Amino acid sequence: MPKMVSTKYGWQWRDYVQADADCDRYWAFKKAERRSLNEATKKSPRVATQGEKKTSEKIYVDF
């Protein structure tokens, strides 16, 4: 176990370990929150009905 030495800011080794664990938990929560938001707002793929033109198809009209 490393010696418990205070830094010039008054932190000890266990404080650094605790801060690192808090940071990991925070980012894991943010990642899960973003994934949940993406899943909630994801649109289901729309299937074109029979005879309906897809938007990628061009429609030409001769005049």
PDB file of N, CA and C in Angstrom:
ATOM      1  N   MET A   1       0.853  -1.188   0.000  1.00  0.00           N
ATOM      2  CA  MET A   1       0.000   0.000   0.000  1.00  0.00           C
ATOM      3  C   MET A   1       0.884   1.231   0.000  1.00  0.00           C
ATOM      4  N   PRO A   2       0.601   2.186  -0.893  1.00  0.00           N
ATOM      5  CA  PRO A   2       1.442   3.380  -0.910  1.00  0.00           C
ATOM      6  C   PRO A   2       1.267   4.204   0.363  1.00  0.00           C
ATOM      7  N   LYS A   3       2.308   4.887   0.684  1.00  0.00           N
ATOM      8  CA  LYS A   3       2.272   5.744   1.867  1.00  0.00           C
ATOM      9  C   LYS A   3       1.266   6.873   1.649  1.00  0.00           C
ATOM     10  N   MET A   4       0.474   7.181   2.647  1.00  0.00           N
ATOM     11  CA  MET A   4      -0.535   8.239   2.543  1.00  0.00           C
ATOM     12  C   MET A   4       0.135   9.595   2.680  1.00  0.00           C
ATOM     13  N   VAL A   5       0.509  10.151   1.526  1.00  0.00           N
ATOM     14  CA  VAL A   5       1.201  11.427   1.504  1.00  0.00           C
ATOM     15  C   VAL A   5       0.240  12.481   0.968  1.00  0.00           C
ATOM     16  N   SER A   6       0.157  13.575   1.637  1.00  0.00           N
ATOM     17  CA  SER A   6      -0.685  14.675   1.178  1.00  0.00           C
ATOM     18  C   SER A   6       0.065  15.463   0.119  1.00  0.00           C
ATOM     19  N   THR A   7      -0.670  15.911  -0.886  1.00  0.00           N
ATOM     20  CA  THR A   7      -0.072  16.765  -1.906  1.00  0.00           C
ATOM     21  C   THR A   7      -0.190  18.211  -1.449  1.00  0.00           C
ATOM     22  N   LYS A   8       0.279  19.112  -2.281  1.00  0.00           N
ATOM     23  CA  LYS A   8       0.194  20.529  -1.910  1.00  0.00           C
ATOM     24  C   LYS A   8      -1.249  21.013  -1.874  1.00  0.00           C
ATOM     25  N   TYR A   9      -2.179  20.245  -2.493  1.00  0.00           N
ATOM     26  CA  TYR A   9      -3.594  20.614  -2.453  1.00  0.00           C
ATOM     27  C   TYR A   9      -4.334  19.971  -1.290  1.00  0.00           C
ATOM     28  N   GLY A  10      -3.641  19.144  -0.523  1.00  0.00           N
ATOM     29  CA  GLY A  10      -4.261  18.508   0.629  1.00  0.00           C
ATOM     30  C   GLY A  10      -4.955  17.202   0.302  1.00  0.00           C
ATOM     31  N   TRP A  11      -4.759  16.690  -0.917  1.00  0.00           N
ATOM     32  CA  TRP A  11      -5.373  15.418  -1.286  1.00  0.00           C
ATOM     33  C   TRP A  11      -4.471  14.268  -0.875  1.00  0.00           C
ATOM     34  N   GLN A  12      -5.088  13.149  -0.594  1.00  0.00           N
ATOM     35  CA  GLN A  12      -4.333  11.929  -0.342  1.00  0.00           C
ATOM     36  C   GLN A  12      -4.653  10.931  -1.435  1.00  0.00           C
ATOM     37  N   TRP A  13      -3.909   9.823  -1.470  1.00  0.00           N
ATOM     38  CA  TRP A  13      -4.060   8.834  -2.535  1.00  0.00           C
ATOM     39  C   TRP A  13      -5.497   8.320  -2.640  1.00  0.00           C
ATOM     40  N   ARG A  14      -6.121   8.060  -1.502  1.00  0.00           N
ATOM     41  CA  ARG A  14      -7.495   7.535  -1.530  1.00  0.00           C
ATOM     42  C   ARG A  14      -8.465   8.547  -2.145  1.00  0.00           C
ATOM     43  N   ASP A  15      -8.158   9.838  -2.014  1.00  0.00           N
ATOM     44  CA  ASP A  15      -9.001  10.876  -2.629  1.00  0.00           C
ATOM     45  C   ASP A  15      -8.922  10.802  -4.151  1.00  0.00           C
ATOM     46  N   TYR A  16      -7.716  10.549  -4.666  1.00  0.00           N
ATOM     47  CA  TYR A  16      -7.555  10.398  -6.112  1.00  0.00           C
ATOM     48  C   TYR A  16      -8.306   9.171  -6.621  1.00  0.00           C
ATOM     49  N   VAL A  17      -8.218   8.075  -5.890  1.00  0.00           N
ATOM     50  CA  VAL A  17      -8.902   6.843  -6.278  1.00  0.00           C
ATOM     51  C   VAL A  17     -10.417   7.061  -6.259  1.00  0.00           C
ATOM     52  N   GLN A  18     -10.906   7.735  -5.232  1.00  0.00           N
ATOM     53  CA  GLN A  18     -12.342   8.016  -5.126  1.00  0.00           C
ATOM     54  C   GLN A  18     -12.802   8.932  -6.258  1.00  0.00           C
ATOM     55  N   ALA A  19     -12.011   9.958  -6.578  1.00  0.00           N
ATOM     56  CA  ALA A  19     -12.376  10.874  -7.652  1.00  0.00           C
ATOM     57  C   ALA A  19     -12.390  10.151  -8.995  1.00  0.00           C
ATOM     58  N   ASP A  20     -11.433   9.251  -9.214  1.00  0.00           N
ATOM     59  CA  ASP A  20     -11.384   8.476 -10.451  1.00  0.00           C
ATOM     60  C   ASP A  20     -12.604   7.563 -10.564  1.00  0.00           C
ATOM     61  N   ALA A  21     -12.997   6.927  -9.468  1.00  0.00           N
ATOM     62  CA  ALA A  21     -14.177   6.056  -9.472  1.00  0.00           C
ATOM     63  C   ALA A  21     -15.444   6.869  -9.728  1.00  0.00           C
ATOM     64  N   ASP A  22     -15.538   8.048  -9.132  1.00  0.00           N
ATOM     65  CA  ASP A  22     -16.695   8.925  -9.364  1.00  0.00           C
ATOM     66  C   ASP A  22     -16.769   9.349 -10.825  1.00  0.00           C
ATOM     67  N   CYS A  23     -15.613   9.660 -11.397  1.00  0.00           N
ATOM     68  CA  CYS A  23     -15.560  10.073 -12.801  1.00  0.00           C
ATOM     69  C   CYS A  23     -15.997   8.924 -13.707  1.00  0.00           C
ATOM     70  N   ASP A  24     -15.531   7.713 -13.431  1.00  0.00           N
ATOM     71  CA  ASP A  24     -15.920   6.544 -14.228  1.00  0.00           C
ATOM     72  C   ASP A  24     -17.420   6.300 -14.146  1.00  0.00           C
ATOM     73  N   ARG A  25     -17.988   6.416 -12.945  1.00  0.00           N
ATOM     74  CA  ARG A  25     -19.428   6.218 -12.779  1.00  0.00           C
ATOM     75  C   ARG A  25     -20.212   7.289 -13.529  1.00  0.00           C
ATOM     76  N   TYR A  26     -19.730   8.542 -13.482  1.00  0.00           N
ATOM     77  CA  TYR A  26     -20.402   9.639 -14.171  1.00  0.00           C
ATOM     78  C   TYR A  26     -20.451   9.383 -15.670  1.00  0.00           C
ATOM     79  N   TRP A  27     -19.309   9.029 -16.268  1.00  0.00           N
ATOM     80  CA  TRP A  27     -19.281   8.825 -17.716  1.00  0.00           C
ATOM     81  C   TRP A  27     -20.027   7.578 -18.134  1.00  0.00           C
ATOM     82  N   ALA A  28     -20.036   6.549 -17.296  1.00  0.00           N
ATOM     83  CA  ALA A  28     -20.839   5.359 -17.604  1.00  0.00           C
ATOM     84  C   ALA A  28     -22.323   5.720 -17.611  1.00  0.00           C
ATOM     85  N   PHE A  29     -22.744   6.560 -16.661  1.00  0.00           N
ATOM     86  CA  PHE A  29     -24.132   7.014 -16.611  1.00  0.00           C
ATOM     87  C   PHE A  29     -24.473   7.841 -17.846  1.00  0.00           C
ATOM     88  N   LYS A  30     -23.566   8.761 -18.238  1.00  0.00           N
ATOM     89  CA  LYS A  30     -23.808   9.602 -19.412  1.00  0.00           C
ATOM     90  C   LYS A  30     -23.915   8.751 -20.683  1.00  0.00           C
ATOM     91  N   LYS A  31     -23.061   7.731 -20.792  1.00  0.00           N
ATOM     92  CA  LYS A  31     -23.086   6.852 -21.954  1.00  0.00           C
ATOM     93  C   LYS A  31     -24.408   6.085 -22.014  1.00  0.00           C
ATOM     94  N   ALA A  32     -24.856   5.563 -20.857  1.00  0.00           N
ATOM     95  CA  ALA A  32     -26.124   4.839 -20.812  1.00  0.00           C
ATOM     96  C   ALA A  32     -27.292   5.779 -21.105  1.00  0.00           C
ATOM     97  N   GLU A  33     -27.215   7.012 -20.600  1.00  0.00           N
ATOM     98  CA  GLU A  33     -28.280   7.989 -20.839  1.00  0.00           C
ATOM     99  C   GLU A  33     -28.378   8.330 -22.326  1.00  0.00           C
ATOM    100  N   ARG A  34     -27.223   8.518 -22.967  1.00  0.00           N
ATOM    101  CA  ARG A  34     -27.205   8.843 -24.399  1.00  0.00           C
ATOM    102  C   ARG A  34     -27.727   7.658 -25.219  1.00  0.00           C
ATOM    103  N   ARG A  35     -27.346   6.435 -24.845  1.00  0.00           N
ATOM    104  CA  ARG A  35     -27.828   5.251 -25.550  1.00  0.00           C
ATOM    105  C   ARG A  35     -29.340   5.114 -25.393  1.00  0.00           C
ATOM    106  N   SER A  36     -29.849   5.386 -24.198  1.00  0.00           N
ATOM    107  CA  SER A  36     -31.280   5.306 -23.945  1.00  0.00           C
ATOM    108  C   SER A  36     -32.028   6.357 -24.767  1.00  0.00           C
ATOM    109  N   LEU A  37     -31.467   7.564 -24.835  1.00  0.00           N
ATOM    110  CA  LEU A  37     -32.094   8.632 -25.608  1.00  0.00           C
ATOM    111  C   LEU A  37     -32.110   8.284 -27.091  1.00  0.00           C
ATOM    112  N   ASN A  38     -31.013   7.719 -27.588  1.00  0.00           N
ATOM    113  CA  ASN A  38     -30.949   7.320 -28.994  1.00  0.00           C
ATOM    114  C   ASN A  38     -31.975   6.241 -29.300  1.00  0.00           C
ATOM    115  N   GLU A  39     -32.128   5.281 -28.403  1.00  0.00           N
ATOM    116  CA  GLU A  39     -33.104   4.211 -28.610  1.00  0.00           C
ATOM    117  C   GLU A  39     -34.531   4.756 -28.580  1.00  0.00           C
ATOM    118  N   ALA A  40     -34.776   5.731 -27.706  1.00  0.00           N
ATOM    119  CA  ALA A  40     -36.125   6.276 -27.564  1.00  0.00           C
ATOM    120  C   ALA A  40     -36.527   7.110 -28.780  1.00  0.00           C
ATOM    121  N   THR A  41     -35.550   7.766 -29.413  1.00  0.00           N
ATOM    122  CA  THR A  41     -35.882   8.637 -30.533  1.00  0.00           C
ATOM    123  C   THR A  41     -35.655   7.982 -31.886  1.00  0.00           C
ATOM    124  N   LYS A  42     -35.222   6.738 -31.876  1.00  0.00           N
ATOM    125  CA  LYS A  42     -34.958   6.063 -33.145  1.00  0.00           C
ATOM    126  C   LYS A  42     -36.267   5.804 -33.882  1.00  0.00           C
ATOM    127  N   LYS A  43     -36.284   6.154 -35.151  1.00  0.00           N
ATOM    128  CA  LYS A  43     -37.489   5.950 -35.953  1.00  0.00           C
ATOM    129  C   LYS A  43     -37.459   4.545 -36.548  1.00  0.00           C
ATOM    130  N   SER A  44     -38.611   3.920 -36.583  1.00  0.00           N
ATOM    131  CA  SER A  44     -38.669   2.603 -37.198  1.00  0.00           C
ATOM    132  C   SER A  44     -38.620   2.782 -38.716  1.00  0.00           C
ATOM    133  N   PRO A  45     -37.978   1.868 -39.410  1.00  0.00           N
ATOM    134  CA  PRO A  45     -37.907   2.010 -40.867  1.00  0.00           C
ATOM    135  C   PRO A  45     -39.295   1.899 -41.483  1.00  0.00           C
ATOM    136  N   ARG A  46     -39.617   2.827 -42.356  1.00  0.00           N
ATOM    137  CA  ARG A  46     -40.945   2.868 -42.968  1.00  0.00           C
ATOM    138  C   ARG A  46     -40.920   2.029 -44.237  1.00  0.00           C
ATOM    139  N   VAL A  47     -41.823   1.126 -44.319  1.00  0.00           N
ATOM    140  CA  VAL A  47     -41.907   0.262 -45.490  1.00  0.00           C
ATOM    141  C   VAL A  47     -42.848   0.919 -46.491  1.00  0.00           C
ATOM    142  N   ALA A  48     -42.415   1.041 -47.733  1.00  0.00           N
ATOM    143  CA  ALA A  48     -43.243   1.655 -48.771  1.00  0.00           C
ATOM    144  C   ALA A  48     -44.389   0.706 -49.117  1.00  0.00           C
ATOM    145  N   THR A  49     -45.579   1.249 -49.173  1.00  0.00           N
ATOM    146  CA  THR A  49     -46.732   0.420 -49.516  1.00  0.00           C
ATOM    147  C   THR A  49     -46.708   0.103 -51.003  1.00  0.00           C
ATOM    148  N   GLN A  50     -47.510  -0.824 -51.403  1.00  0.00           N
ATOM    149  CA  GLN A  50     -47.536  -1.260 -52.804  1.00  0.00           C
ATOM    150  C   GLN A  50     -47.938  -0.098 -53.716  1.00  0.00           C
ATOM    151  N   GLY A  51     -47.133   0.175 -54.744  1.00  0.00           N
ATOM    152  CA  GLY A  51     -47.451   1.230 -55.689  1.00  0.00           C
ATOM    153  C   GLY A  51     -46.960   2.605 -55.270  1.00  0.00           C
ATOM    154  N   GLU A  52     -46.443   2.757 -54.067  1.00  0.00           N
ATOM    155  CA  GLU A  52     -45.962   4.051 -53.615  1.00  0.00           C
ATOM    156  C   GLU A  52     -44.516   4.242 -54.073  1.00  0.00           C
ATOM    157  N   LYS A  53     -44.202   5.442 -54.530  1.00  0.00           N
ATOM    158  CA  LYS A  53     -42.849   5.734 -54.985  1.00  0.00           C
ATOM    159  C   LYS A  53     -41.965   6.052 -53.786  1.00  0.00           C
ATOM    160  N   LYS A  54     -40.757   5.570 -53.802  1.00  0.00           N
ATOM    161  CA  LYS A  54     -39.798   5.928 -52.768  1.00  0.00           C
ATOM    162  C   LYS A  54     -39.247   7.309 -53.096  1.00  0.00           C
ATOM    163  N   THR A  55     -38.802   8.015 -52.103  1.00  0.00           N
ATOM    164  CA  THR A  55     -38.332   9.387 -52.328  1.00  0.00           C
ATOM    165  C   THR A  55     -37.046   9.404 -53.144  1.00  0.00           C
ATOM    166  N   SER A  56     -36.310   8.307 -53.141  1.00  0.00           N
ATOM    167  CA  SER A  56     -35.065   8.296 -53.908  1.00  0.00           C
ATOM    168  C   SER A  56     -35.318   8.109 -55.405  1.00  0.00           C
ATOM    169  N   GLU A  57     -36.517   7.690 -55.778  1.00  0.00           N
ATOM    170  CA  GLU A  57     -36.833   7.499 -57.192  1.00  0.00           C
ATOM    171  C   GLU A  57     -37.278   8.827 -57.801  1.00  0.00           C
ATOM    172  N   LYS A  58     -36.776   9.115 -58.990  1.00  0.00           N
ATOM    173  CA  LYS A  58     -37.136  10.350 -59.670  1.00  0.00           C
ATOM    174  C   LYS A  58     -38.409  10.119 -60.490  1.00  0.00           C
ATOM    175  N   ILE A  59     -39.252  11.114 -60.518  1.00  0.00           N
ATOM    176  CA  ILE A  59     -40.471  11.060 -61.314  1.00  0.00           C
ATOM    177  C   ILE A  59     -40.313  12.062 -62.450  1.00  0.00           C
ATOM    178  N   TYR A  60     -40.334  11.583 -63.672  1.00  0.00           N
ATOM    179  CA  TYR A  60     -40.201  12.455 -64.847  1.00  0.00           C
ATOM    180  C   TYR A  60     -41.552  12.630 -65.498  1.00  0.00           C
ATOM    181  N   VAL A  61     -41.891  13.882 -65.813  1.00  0.00           N
ATOM    182  CA  VAL A  61     -43.142  14.195 -66.476  1.00  0.00           C
ATOM    183  C   VAL A  61     -42.787  14.840 -67.802  1.00  0.00           C
ATOM    184  N   ASP A  62     -43.253  14.256 -68.937  1.00  0.00           N
ATOM    185  CA  ASP A  62     -42.980  14.818 -70.257  1.00  0.00           C
ATOM    186  C   ASP A  62     -44.030  15.888 -70.559  1.00  0.00           C
ATOM    187  N   PHE A  63     -43.588  17.066 -70.988  1.00  0.00           N
ATOM    188  CA  PHE A  63     -44.501  18.126 -71.355  1.00  0.00           C
ATOM    189  C   PHE A  63     -44.440  18.336 -72.851  1.00  0.00           C
TER     190      PHE A  63
END
